[in-house]
Amino acid sequence: MEIREYLRILRRNWLLTVGCVLIAVLTAALVSLIAKPTYTATTQLFVSIQNSGSVSELQQGNTFTQARVQSYVKTAKTPAVLQPVIDELGLDVSPAGLAEKVQASADLNTVLITVTASAASPVDAASLAQATGDSLVRVVGDLEGTSQGGASPVKLSVITPAIAPSEPASPNVKLNLAAGVFVGLILGLALTLLRSILDQRVRNESDLRKVTDAPLLGGISYDKDAETKPLLTQVAAQSPRAESFRQIRTNLQFAQVNRKSNSVLVTSSLPAEGKSTTATNLAIALAQAGQSVVLVDADLRRPRVDDYLGLERAAGLTTALIGQASVDDLLQPWGDNGLQVLTSGQVPPNPSELLGSTAMKDLLTHLESVFDVVVIDASPLLPVTDSAVLAQQVGGVVVVVGSNKLKTTELTRSLAALKLVDAEILGVVFNLIPTKGPDSYGYSYYSYASPEPTEPSTHPLSRRAKKIGTSGGTERTLTSGAMSSHPNLSTNGH
């Protein structure tokens, strides 16, 4: 996985990471608020040899003292030292309980002992530390005394008396909040990584490439107005949505350059990925380029083309397939560009059988002989087998993939269903792409100032070459160079 992919994952899940940090910080703040404050006071003792002598004797005495210091440190937590402290301060605690509040330590190669005591108030902490230090001085003096009752050769002296602290040692609010930020950040990153591993939805071209190397014909950004204005003719000619379909139209023409059949099946893996609007607008875009186009609504389970175009559905494809009327009599004109539409007709009980029949094959052959392009809107691949059956009779298949609408496993299954019937996949159209965020696509658009003229062409899907851009009076023909103005919209999908 590349660094860009990690950055995309972080951008996609930044709210999760921020949420984890906030929760951890709030938890740390709450713990700091609830916890009872604890104050810590310290006193420091110096261990020395009583007698004086030569340099050699002093060095030996110093070595002897350093060796004894660690024993004195351990002695500080014994009942011999702590019981007098309990009696002196009138504490209601056992020596073992008091030992949990008292700590003693010594730095390496020194004769300094630090006694630390903790209590609920600063005064109690200072009193406990001082009393423990004084008791340790007395106990060591008794333990190191001679058997004849003479003075001890070792002397402990208090060099730093205990004083009441001004601030509690715990809770350390700043440290707790910093720890909360660190823990929250680590937790957020871990959950982000786990979520990205478990999330199998197709969000961008990188996810698509994990499943298929089919050409990416184009991308259509999400438009909140598409539900009320789904058609290409309902938006401005200079709009990004309109330009997206012109890009798809051009790339599709290049994808079809070596194929004899001029019929294109548009399908998707699941419902709600936008395959009907894509098929309808693709047919409109092709008709606007001057080609004779027929749009066939072959989604015999949930037909939508008649709703989008405002046409009559009662008589249509199924009417022709059962022989009640000629297909030429059932075609309905739409728009000013000569687009012909064959609606679905009545919904039959056996769609798969009708679409796989000889009558359907003959109908498509007839339409291909009359029109430059036959665009077919078919049912989704996974819920039913209609599209897989019909894919065997067309020149190629365009698969619409809705961003964030399906999982990679579902796309894999739908492509496998097409491969099983030897269908020719012309490419993929990425639909519903976010306009902002890590999964958004950037596009550059030309300004269209005049109607698109038409000219003859030799290819069945490109009888007339589209000419775009009249800026400054110079006319430019849309070729593979214009088609590949964005790296994700070239004919090879890269």
Protein backbone atom coordinates (compact mmCIF):
# COMPACT_ATOMS: atom_id res chain seq x y z
CA MET A 1 0.00 0.00 0.00
CA GLU A 2 1.40 3.40 -1.03
CA ILE A 3 1.76 6.43 1.22
CA ARG A 4 -1.01 8.17 -0.73
CA GLU A 5 -3.37 5.34 0.15
CA TYR A 6 -2.54 5.68 3.84
CA LEU A 7 -3.12 9.42 3.64
CA ARG A 8 -6.45 8.81 1.89
CA ILE A 9 -7.46 6.42 4.67
CA LEU A 10 -6.52 9.00 7.30
CA ARG A 11 -8.48 11.72 5.53
CA ARG A 12 -11.47 9.42 5.18
CA ASN A 13 -11.47 8.52 8.88
CA TRP A 14 -10.20 11.73 10.47
CA LEU A 15 -13.43 12.13 12.42
CA LEU A 16 -12.90 8.72 14.01
CA THR A 17 -9.36 9.64 15.05
CA VAL A 18 -10.40 13.02 16.40
CA GLY A 19 -13.30 11.39 18.25
CA CYS A 20 -10.98 8.88 19.91
CA VAL A 21 -8.61 11.67 20.98
CA LEU A 22 -11.47 13.72 22.42
CA ILE A 23 -12.89 10.75 24.31
CA ALA A 24 -9.48 9.86 25.74
CA VAL A 25 -8.81 13.47 26.78
CA LEU A 26 -12.24 13.80 28.40
CA THR A 27 -11.69 10.51 30.22
CA ALA A 28 -8.30 11.69 31.49
CA ALA A 29 -9.83 15.00 32.60
CA LEU A 30 -12.68 13.19 34.39
CA VAL A 31 -10.28 10.83 36.15
CA SER A 32 -8.14 13.79 37.20
CA LEU A 33 -11.22 15.57 38.54
CA ILE A 34 -12.56 12.59 40.48
CA ALA A 35 -9.25 11.35 41.88
CA LYS A 36 -8.35 12.50 45.39
CA PRO A 37 -5.24 14.68 45.45
CA THR A 38 -2.11 13.19 46.97
CA TYR A 39 0.74 15.34 48.33
CA THR A 40 4.34 14.20 48.48
CA ALA A 41 7.13 15.53 50.74
CA THR A 42 10.76 14.48 50.93
CA THR A 43 13.64 14.68 53.35
CA GLN A 44 17.24 13.85 52.61
CA LEU A 45 19.80 12.16 54.91
CA PHE A 46 23.59 12.08 54.73
CA VAL A 47 25.51 8.97 55.86
CA SER A 48 28.98 9.57 57.27
CA ILE A 49 31.76 7.91 59.35
CA GLN A 50 32.22 9.32 62.83
CA ASN A 51 36.01 8.92 63.26
CA SER A 52 38.68 10.65 61.29
CA GLY A 53 41.98 9.25 60.13
CA SER A 54 44.38 9.02 57.27
CA VAL A 55 43.36 9.33 53.62
CA SER A 56 43.48 5.57 53.27
CA GLU A 57 41.21 5.11 56.29
CA LEU A 58 38.75 7.72 54.96
CA GLN A 59 38.59 5.96 51.58
CA GLN A 60 37.90 2.64 53.28
CA GLY A 61 35.26 4.31 55.43
CA ASN A 62 33.61 5.85 52.39
CA THR A 63 33.49 2.47 50.64
CA PHE A 64 32.06 0.92 53.80
CA THR A 65 29.40 3.65 54.02
CA GLN A 66 28.29 3.25 50.39
CA ALA A 67 27.98 -0.47 50.91
CA ARG A 68 25.77 0.09 53.98
CA VAL A 69 23.53 2.73 52.37
CA GLN A 70 21.36 0.21 50.50
CA SER A 71 20.77 -1.63 53.78
CA TYR A 72 19.62 1.60 55.41
CA VAL A 73 17.24 2.21 52.46
CA LYS A 74 15.53 -1.11 53.07
CA THR A 75 15.52 -0.49 56.82
CA ALA A 76 13.40 2.64 56.31
CA LYS A 77 10.29 0.54 55.55
CA THR A 78 10.65 -1.88 58.44
CA PRO A 79 8.45 -1.85 61.59
CA ALA A 80 11.51 -0.86 63.63
CA VAL A 81 11.47 2.52 61.86
CA LEU A 82 7.75 2.94 61.14
CA GLN A 83 6.23 1.91 64.48
CA PRO A 84 7.84 4.88 66.31
CA VAL A 85 6.47 7.14 63.57
CA ILE A 86 2.97 5.75 64.13
CA ASP A 87 3.26 6.32 67.84
CA GLU A 88 4.67 9.83 67.41
CA LEU A 89 2.04 11.04 64.95
CA GLY A 90 -0.84 9.03 66.42
CA LEU A 91 -1.66 7.32 63.15
CA ASP A 92 -4.34 4.67 62.92
CA VAL A 93 -2.45 2.38 60.58
CA SER A 94 -0.20 -0.67 60.79
CA PRO A 95 3.50 -0.57 59.90
CA ALA A 96 2.72 -2.56 56.76
CA GLY A 97 0.04 -0.06 55.75
CA LEU A 98 2.32 2.87 56.45
CA ALA A 99 5.09 1.26 54.39
CA GLU A 100 2.92 1.74 51.29
CA LYS A 101 3.02 5.50 51.83
CA VAL A 102 6.75 5.71 52.46
CA GLN A 103 9.55 5.28 49.96
CA ALA A 104 13.33 5.41 50.44
CA SER A 105 16.00 5.52 47.77
CA ALA A 106 19.68 6.24 47.31
CA ASP A 107 21.57 7.40 44.25
CA LEU A 108 24.30 5.12 42.98
CA ASN A 109 27.81 5.77 44.39
CA THR A 110 26.52 8.35 46.88
CA VAL A 111 25.86 8.36 50.62
CA LEU A 112 22.59 10.29 50.32
CA ILE A 113 19.26 8.72 51.27
CA THR A 114 16.00 10.30 50.15
CA VAL A 115 12.86 9.51 52.16
CA THR A 116 9.56 10.29 50.47
CA ALA A 117 6.14 10.19 52.11
CA SER A 118 2.64 10.61 50.63
CA ALA A 119 -0.51 11.84 52.38
CA ALA A 120 -3.86 13.45 51.69
CA SER A 121 -2.68 16.88 52.91
CA PRO A 122 0.61 18.73 52.45
CA VAL A 123 1.16 19.12 56.20
CA ASP A 124 0.61 15.41 56.85
CA ALA A 125 3.02 14.51 54.05
CA ALA A 126 5.76 16.75 55.47
CA SER A 127 5.21 15.47 59.03
CA LEU A 128 5.32 11.84 57.90
CA ALA A 129 8.50 12.31 55.82
CA GLN A 130 10.28 14.15 58.61
CA ALA A 131 9.22 11.68 61.30
CA THR A 132 10.35 8.73 59.15
CA GLY A 133 13.74 10.34 58.52
CA ASP A 134 14.26 11.10 62.19
CA SER A 135 13.25 7.56 63.14
CA LEU A 136 15.67 6.09 60.59
CA VAL A 137 18.50 8.18 62.09
CA ARG A 138 17.80 6.79 65.54
CA VAL A 139 17.37 3.16 64.42
CA VAL A 140 20.61 3.15 62.40
CA GLY A 141 22.44 4.66 65.33
CA ASP A 142 21.15 1.88 67.59
CA LEU A 143 21.89 -0.87 65.06
CA GLU A 144 25.43 0.31 64.31
CA GLY A 145 26.34 0.94 67.97
CA THR A 146 29.11 -1.13 69.59
CA SER A 147 28.32 -4.03 71.88
CA GLN A 148 29.86 -2.10 74.81
CA GLY A 149 27.31 0.68 74.28
CA GLY A 150 29.71 3.03 72.60
CA ALA A 151 28.86 5.51 69.90
CA SER A 152 28.01 4.26 66.45
CA PRO A 153 30.77 4.65 63.86
CA VAL A 154 28.10 5.56 61.30
CA LYS A 155 26.13 8.76 61.56
CA LEU A 156 22.95 9.76 59.64
CA SER A 157 22.23 13.47 59.49
CA VAL A 158 19.20 15.29 58.08
CA ILE A 159 20.52 17.70 55.46
CA THR A 160 17.17 18.61 53.82
CA PRO A 161 14.20 18.87 56.16
CA ALA A 162 10.76 18.01 54.79
CA ILE A 163 8.54 20.95 53.86
CA ALA A 164 4.84 21.00 52.96
CA PRO A 165 4.36 20.88 49.16
CA SER A 166 2.36 23.65 47.48
CA GLU A 167 0.81 21.43 44.78
CA PRO A 168 -0.39 17.84 44.80
CA ALA A 169 1.84 15.20 43.23
CA SER A 170 -1.19 13.44 41.82
CA PRO A 171 -3.30 13.66 39.88
CA ASN A 172 -0.95 15.35 37.42
CA VAL A 173 -3.55 17.00 35.17
CA LYS A 174 -1.14 18.08 32.42
CA LEU A 175 0.49 14.66 32.27
CA ASN A 176 -2.89 12.91 32.28
CA LEU A 177 -4.20 15.10 29.45
CA ALA A 178 -1.02 14.52 27.42
CA ALA A 179 -1.36 10.79 28.01
CA GLY A 180 -5.00 11.02 26.93
CA VAL A 181 -4.00 12.67 23.66
CA PHE A 182 -1.35 10.04 23.00
CA VAL A 183 -3.59 7.08 23.86
CA GLY A 184 -6.50 8.54 21.88
CA LEU A 185 -4.30 9.10 18.85
CA ILE A 186 -2.92 5.56 18.95
CA LEU A 187 -6.42 4.11 19.45
CA GLY A 188 -7.83 6.25 16.64
CA LEU A 189 -5.11 5.20 14.20
CA ALA A 190 -5.55 1.55 15.15
CA LEU A 191 -9.33 1.72 14.64
CA THR A 192 -8.81 3.58 11.36
CA LEU A 193 -6.49 0.88 10.07
CA LEU A 194 -8.82 -1.88 11.26
CA ARG A 195 -11.78 -0.17 9.67
CA SER A 196 -10.00 0.21 6.35
CA ILE A 197 -9.08 -3.49 6.39
CA LEU A 198 -12.63 -4.58 7.16
CA ASP A 199 -14.24 -2.03 4.82
CA GLN A 200 -14.63 -3.73 1.44
CA ARG A 201 -16.67 -1.00 -0.26
CA VAL A 202 -15.56 0.33 -3.64
CA ARG A 203 -14.83 4.00 -3.05
CA ASN A 204 -12.28 5.04 -5.67
CA GLU A 205 -10.27 3.85 -8.64
CA SER A 206 -7.71 2.24 -6.34
CA ASP A 207 -10.42 -0.02 -4.92
CA LEU A 208 -11.66 -0.71 -8.44
CA ARG A 209 -8.22 -1.79 -9.60
CA LYS A 210 -8.14 -4.43 -6.86
CA VAL A 211 -11.00 -6.16 -8.68
CA THR A 212 -10.61 -5.51 -12.40
CA ASP A 213 -8.32 -3.94 -14.97
CA ALA A 214 -11.24 -3.00 -17.24
CA PRO A 215 -10.92 0.50 -18.73
CA LEU A 216 -12.38 3.34 -16.70
CA LEU A 217 -14.56 5.13 -19.23
CA GLY A 218 -15.25 8.07 -16.95
CA GLY A 219 -16.44 9.34 -13.63
CA ILE A 220 -19.66 11.12 -12.69
CA SER A 221 -19.58 13.23 -9.56
CA TYR A 222 -22.43 13.16 -7.09
CA ASP A 223 -25.02 15.85 -7.76
CA LYS A 224 -27.69 16.50 -5.16
CA ASP A 225 -29.97 17.88 -7.91
CA ALA A 226 -29.76 14.68 -9.97
CA GLU A 227 -32.81 13.15 -8.26
CA THR A 228 -35.06 15.98 -9.41
CA LYS A 229 -33.15 16.73 -12.63
CA PRO A 230 -31.69 13.39 -13.77
CA LEU A 231 -31.34 14.18 -17.48
CA LEU A 232 -28.37 15.67 -19.26
CA THR A 233 -30.63 18.21 -20.96
CA GLN A 234 -31.83 19.54 -17.60
CA VAL A 235 -28.40 20.90 -16.63
CA ALA A 236 -26.20 23.53 -18.19
CA ALA A 237 -24.07 22.41 -21.12
CA GLN A 238 -20.97 23.70 -19.32
CA SER A 239 -21.71 21.79 -16.11
CA PRO A 240 -19.30 19.11 -14.84
CA ARG A 241 -22.07 16.51 -15.09
CA ALA A 242 -22.69 17.24 -18.75
CA GLU A 243 -18.97 17.14 -19.53
CA SER A 244 -18.65 13.80 -17.71
CA PHE A 245 -21.10 12.16 -20.10
CA ARG A 246 -19.35 13.68 -23.09
CA GLN A 247 -16.09 12.18 -21.82
CA ILE A 248 -17.77 8.79 -21.37
CA ARG A 249 -19.26 9.04 -24.87
CA THR A 250 -15.84 9.73 -26.39
CA ASN A 251 -14.07 6.99 -24.47
CA LEU A 252 -16.80 4.53 -25.38
CA GLN A 253 -16.35 5.31 -29.07
CA PHE A 254 -12.66 4.48 -28.79
CA ALA A 255 -13.45 1.31 -26.82
CA GLN A 256 -15.75 0.21 -29.66
CA VAL A 257 -13.36 1.03 -32.48
CA ASN A 258 -12.56 -2.59 -33.45
CA ARG A 259 -15.99 -4.11 -32.84
CA LYS A 260 -18.63 -4.78 -35.49
CA SER A 261 -21.67 -4.72 -33.20
CA ASN A 262 -22.97 -1.29 -32.23
CA SER A 263 -25.15 -2.35 -29.29
CA VAL A 264 -24.09 -1.43 -25.74
CA LEU A 265 -25.60 -2.95 -22.60
CA VAL A 266 -25.49 -0.75 -19.49
CA THR A 267 -25.84 -2.56 -16.18
CA SER A 268 -24.63 -2.53 -12.58
CA SER A 269 -24.06 -4.98 -9.76
CA LEU A 270 -26.83 -3.74 -7.47
CA PRO A 271 -29.81 -1.38 -7.65
CA ALA A 272 -29.34 2.32 -6.84
CA GLU A 273 -25.93 2.60 -8.52
CA GLY A 274 -27.32 4.86 -11.25
CA LYS A 275 -27.23 2.56 -14.25
CA SER A 276 -30.61 3.74 -15.67
CA THR A 277 -29.69 7.44 -15.52
CA THR A 278 -26.27 6.60 -16.97
CA ALA A 279 -27.79 4.65 -19.88
CA THR A 280 -30.36 7.38 -20.56
CA ASN A 281 -27.86 10.23 -20.47
CA LEU A 282 -25.33 8.27 -22.50
CA ALA A 283 -27.95 7.80 -25.20
CA ILE A 284 -28.76 11.52 -25.10
CA ALA A 285 -25.06 12.43 -25.32
CA LEU A 286 -24.57 10.14 -28.32
CA ALA A 287 -27.63 11.64 -30.03
CA GLN A 288 -26.30 15.14 -29.37
CA ALA A 289 -23.14 14.14 -31.24
CA GLY A 290 -25.25 13.60 -34.34
CA GLN A 291 -25.57 9.80 -34.26
CA SER A 292 -28.85 7.99 -34.71
CA VAL A 293 -29.49 6.36 -31.36
CA VAL A 294 -32.16 4.09 -29.92
CA LEU A 295 -32.49 3.61 -26.17
CA VAL A 296 -34.00 0.28 -25.14
CA ASP A 297 -35.37 -0.19 -21.63
CA ALA A 298 -34.64 -3.90 -21.04
CA ASP A 299 -35.00 -3.68 -17.26
CA LEU A 300 -38.21 -5.67 -17.24
CA ARG A 301 -38.42 -5.80 -13.45
CA ARG A 302 -38.04 -2.14 -12.44
CA PRO A 303 -38.21 -0.05 -15.64
CA ARG A 304 -37.31 3.61 -15.15
CA VAL A 305 -36.54 5.07 -18.58
CA ASP A 306 -40.17 6.03 -19.28
CA ASP A 307 -40.32 7.93 -15.98
CA TYR A 308 -37.14 9.87 -16.75
CA LEU A 309 -38.21 10.77 -20.29
CA GLY A 310 -41.95 11.14 -19.69
CA LEU A 311 -42.94 8.48 -22.24
CA GLU A 312 -45.66 5.85 -22.47
CA ARG A 313 -44.68 2.44 -21.07
CA ALA A 314 -47.78 0.37 -21.76
CA ALA A 315 -46.50 -0.74 -25.17
CA GLY A 316 -42.82 -1.38 -25.68
CA LEU A 317 -40.16 -4.11 -25.66
CA THR A 318 -42.31 -6.89 -24.26
CA THR A 319 -45.06 -5.99 -26.74
CA ALA A 320 -42.63 -6.53 -29.61
CA LEU A 321 -41.15 -9.74 -28.13
CA ILE A 322 -44.53 -11.47 -27.90
CA GLY A 323 -45.37 -10.40 -31.46
CA GLN A 324 -48.27 -8.03 -30.75
CA ALA A 325 -46.69 -5.15 -32.68
CA SER A 326 -43.70 -4.30 -34.83
CA VAL A 327 -40.75 -2.72 -33.04
CA ASP A 328 -40.73 0.12 -35.58
CA ASP A 329 -44.27 1.04 -34.53
CA LEU A 330 -43.33 1.00 -30.83
CA LEU A 331 -40.42 3.44 -31.00
CA GLN A 332 -41.10 6.81 -29.41
CA PRO A 333 -39.13 9.92 -30.44
CA TRP A 334 -37.66 12.12 -27.71
CA GLY A 335 -35.91 15.46 -27.80
CA ASP A 336 -34.56 17.52 -30.68
CA ASN A 337 -31.66 15.24 -31.62
CA GLY A 338 -33.57 12.31 -33.11
CA LEU A 339 -33.28 9.99 -30.11
CA GLN A 340 -35.66 7.03 -30.37
CA VAL A 341 -36.79 5.17 -27.25
CA LEU A 342 -38.21 1.67 -26.85
CA THR A 343 -39.77 1.53 -23.41
CA SER A 344 -40.10 -1.71 -21.48
CA GLY A 345 -43.76 -2.40 -22.05
CA GLN A 346 -45.79 -4.41 -19.58
CA VAL A 347 -43.74 -6.17 -16.86
CA PRO A 348 -43.79 -9.91 -17.74
CA PRO A 349 -43.67 -12.89 -15.36
CA ASN A 350 -40.68 -14.37 -17.21
CA PRO A 351 -38.16 -11.59 -18.03
CA SER A 352 -35.12 -13.85 -18.37
CA GLU A 353 -36.84 -16.14 -20.89
CA LEU A 354 -37.97 -13.19 -23.01
CA LEU A 355 -34.56 -11.52 -23.02
CA GLY A 356 -32.82 -14.75 -23.97
CA SER A 357 -35.28 -15.64 -26.72
CA THR A 358 -34.70 -15.69 -30.47
CA ALA A 359 -37.19 -12.84 -30.77
CA MET A 360 -34.92 -10.63 -28.66
CA LYS A 361 -31.91 -11.53 -30.76
CA ASP A 362 -33.78 -10.70 -33.96
CA LEU A 363 -35.04 -7.43 -32.47
CA LEU A 364 -31.48 -6.33 -31.60
CA THR A 365 -30.21 -7.32 -35.04
CA HIS A 366 -32.92 -5.20 -36.63
CA LEU A 367 -32.20 -2.18 -34.42
CA GLU A 368 -28.44 -2.45 -35.10
CA SER A 369 -29.12 -2.34 -38.81
CA VAL A 370 -31.24 0.80 -38.50
CA PHE A 371 -29.40 2.86 -35.86
CA ASP A 372 -25.81 3.90 -35.34
CA VAL A 373 -25.95 2.99 -31.68
CA VAL A 374 -28.26 0.78 -29.60
CA VAL A 375 -28.06 1.60 -25.88
CA ILE A 376 -29.73 -0.96 -23.62
CA ASP A 377 -30.63 -0.38 -19.99
CA ALA A 378 -30.68 -3.77 -18.23
CA SER A 379 -31.36 -5.10 -14.73
CA PRO A 380 -28.62 -5.31 -12.08
CA LEU A 381 -26.41 -8.38 -12.34
CA LEU A 382 -26.52 -9.81 -8.83
CA PRO A 383 -30.24 -9.89 -7.95
CA VAL A 384 -31.33 -11.50 -11.26
CA THR A 385 -29.82 -13.17 -14.32
CA ASP A 386 -31.48 -10.93 -16.95
CA SER A 387 -28.36 -8.91 -17.76
CA ALA A 388 -26.11 -11.97 -17.98
CA VAL A 389 -28.55 -13.55 -20.43
CA LEU A 390 -28.80 -10.40 -22.53
CA ALA A 391 -25.04 -9.74 -22.44
CA GLN A 392 -24.49 -12.67 -24.81
CA GLN A 393 -26.42 -10.90 -27.57
CA VAL A 394 -24.83 -7.44 -27.52
CA GLY A 395 -21.57 -5.98 -28.72
CA GLY A 396 -20.30 -4.99 -25.28
CA VAL A 397 -21.19 -4.24 -21.69
CA VAL A 398 -20.66 -1.09 -19.66
CA VAL A 399 -20.72 -1.67 -15.90
CA VAL A 400 -21.81 1.23 -13.72
CA VAL A 401 -20.16 1.22 -10.29
CA GLY A 402 -21.68 3.46 -7.63
CA SER A 403 -19.03 4.86 -5.30
CA ASN A 404 -19.56 3.58 -1.76
CA LYS A 405 -22.58 1.56 -2.93
CA LEU A 406 -21.16 -1.96 -3.17
CA LYS A 407 -18.38 -4.15 -1.86
CA THR A 408 -15.44 -5.46 -3.84
CA THR A 409 -16.76 -9.00 -3.40
CA GLU A 410 -20.06 -7.98 -5.02
CA LEU A 411 -18.31 -6.34 -7.94
CA THR A 412 -16.15 -9.44 -8.33
CA ARG A 413 -19.26 -11.64 -8.49
CA SER A 414 -20.97 -9.45 -11.08
CA LEU A 415 -17.89 -9.35 -13.33
CA ALA A 416 -17.52 -13.12 -12.95
CA ALA A 417 -21.14 -13.54 -14.10
CA LEU A 418 -20.35 -11.57 -17.27
CA LYS A 419 -17.15 -13.54 -17.84
CA LEU A 420 -19.05 -16.79 -17.46
CA VAL A 421 -21.21 -15.95 -20.50
CA ASP A 422 -18.21 -14.61 -22.48
CA ALA A 423 -19.55 -11.05 -22.42
CA GLU A 424 -17.27 -8.30 -23.70
CA ILE A 425 -16.75 -5.66 -20.98
CA LEU A 426 -16.11 -2.34 -22.71
CA GLY A 427 -15.35 -0.53 -19.48
CA VAL A 428 -16.55 0.81 -16.16
CA VAL A 429 -18.32 4.06 -15.34
CA PHE A 430 -17.71 5.35 -11.83
CA ASN A 431 -20.86 7.04 -10.56
CA LEU A 432 -21.77 9.07 -7.47
CA ILE A 433 -18.17 10.14 -6.88
CA PRO A 434 -17.86 12.56 -3.93
CA THR A 435 -17.07 16.11 -4.95
CA LYS A 436 -14.92 16.64 -1.85
CA GLY A 437 -12.78 14.49 0.37
CA PRO A 438 -10.15 11.79 -0.18
CA ASP A 439 -12.23 9.86 -2.74
CA SER A 440 -13.14 12.85 -4.91
CA TYR A 441 -11.91 13.21 -8.47
CA GLY A 442 -10.63 16.40 -10.06
CA TYR A 443 -11.63 17.32 -13.58
CA SER A 444 -10.88 20.10 -16.01
CA TYR A 445 -13.74 21.25 -18.18
CA TYR A 446 -13.94 23.19 -21.39
CA SER A 447 -16.44 25.92 -22.00
CA TYR A 448 -19.02 25.22 -24.66
CA ALA A 449 -20.16 28.33 -26.45
CA SER A 450 -22.01 26.98 -29.48
CA PRO A 451 -24.01 23.93 -30.58
CA GLU A 452 -21.97 20.91 -31.58
CA PRO A 453 -21.72 20.53 -35.37
CA THR A 454 -21.77 17.11 -36.95
CA GLU A 455 -19.71 15.50 -39.70
CA PRO A 456 -19.73 12.07 -41.32
CA SER A 457 -17.50 9.34 -39.91
CA THR A 458 -16.78 5.79 -40.96
CA HIS A 459 -17.22 4.02 -37.60
CA PRO A 460 -20.71 2.75 -36.62
CA LEU A 461 -20.43 4.36 -33.18
CA SER A 462 -18.77 7.51 -34.47
CA ARG A 463 -20.49 8.36 -37.75
CA ARG A 464 -19.92 11.99 -36.87
CA ALA A 465 -16.91 13.36 -34.99
CA LYS A 466 -17.70 15.65 -32.10
CA LYS A 467 -16.18 19.09 -32.36
CA ILE A 468 -15.78 21.07 -29.21
CA GLY A 469 -14.42 24.40 -28.06
CA THR A 470 -14.87 27.52 -30.18
CA SER A 471 -12.89 29.81 -27.92
CA GLY A 472 -11.23 32.53 -29.98
CA GLY A 473 -12.88 31.27 -33.17
CA THR A 474 -10.71 28.14 -33.33
CA GLU A 475 -12.57 24.84 -33.61
CA ARG A 476 -11.02 21.69 -32.07
CA THR A 477 -11.97 18.09 -32.78
CA LEU A 478 -12.24 15.86 -29.71
CA THR A 479 -9.64 13.14 -30.10
CA SER A 480 -7.78 10.78 -27.83
CA GLY A 481 -5.65 13.70 -26.69
CA ALA A 482 -8.68 15.61 -25.42
CA MET A 483 -10.16 12.41 -24.10
CA SER A 484 -7.11 11.81 -21.94
CA SER A 485 -6.98 15.30 -20.46
CA HIS A 486 -7.51 13.60 -17.13
CA PRO A 487 -5.37 10.54 -16.37
CA ASN A 488 -8.33 8.61 -15.02
CA LEU A 489 -10.39 9.11 -18.14
CA SER A 490 -8.14 7.64 -20.81
CA THR A 491 -9.23 4.63 -22.81
CA ASN A 492 -7.03 2.26 -20.85
CA GLY A 493 -8.47 3.36 -17.54
CA HIS A 494 -5.26 4.77 -16.10
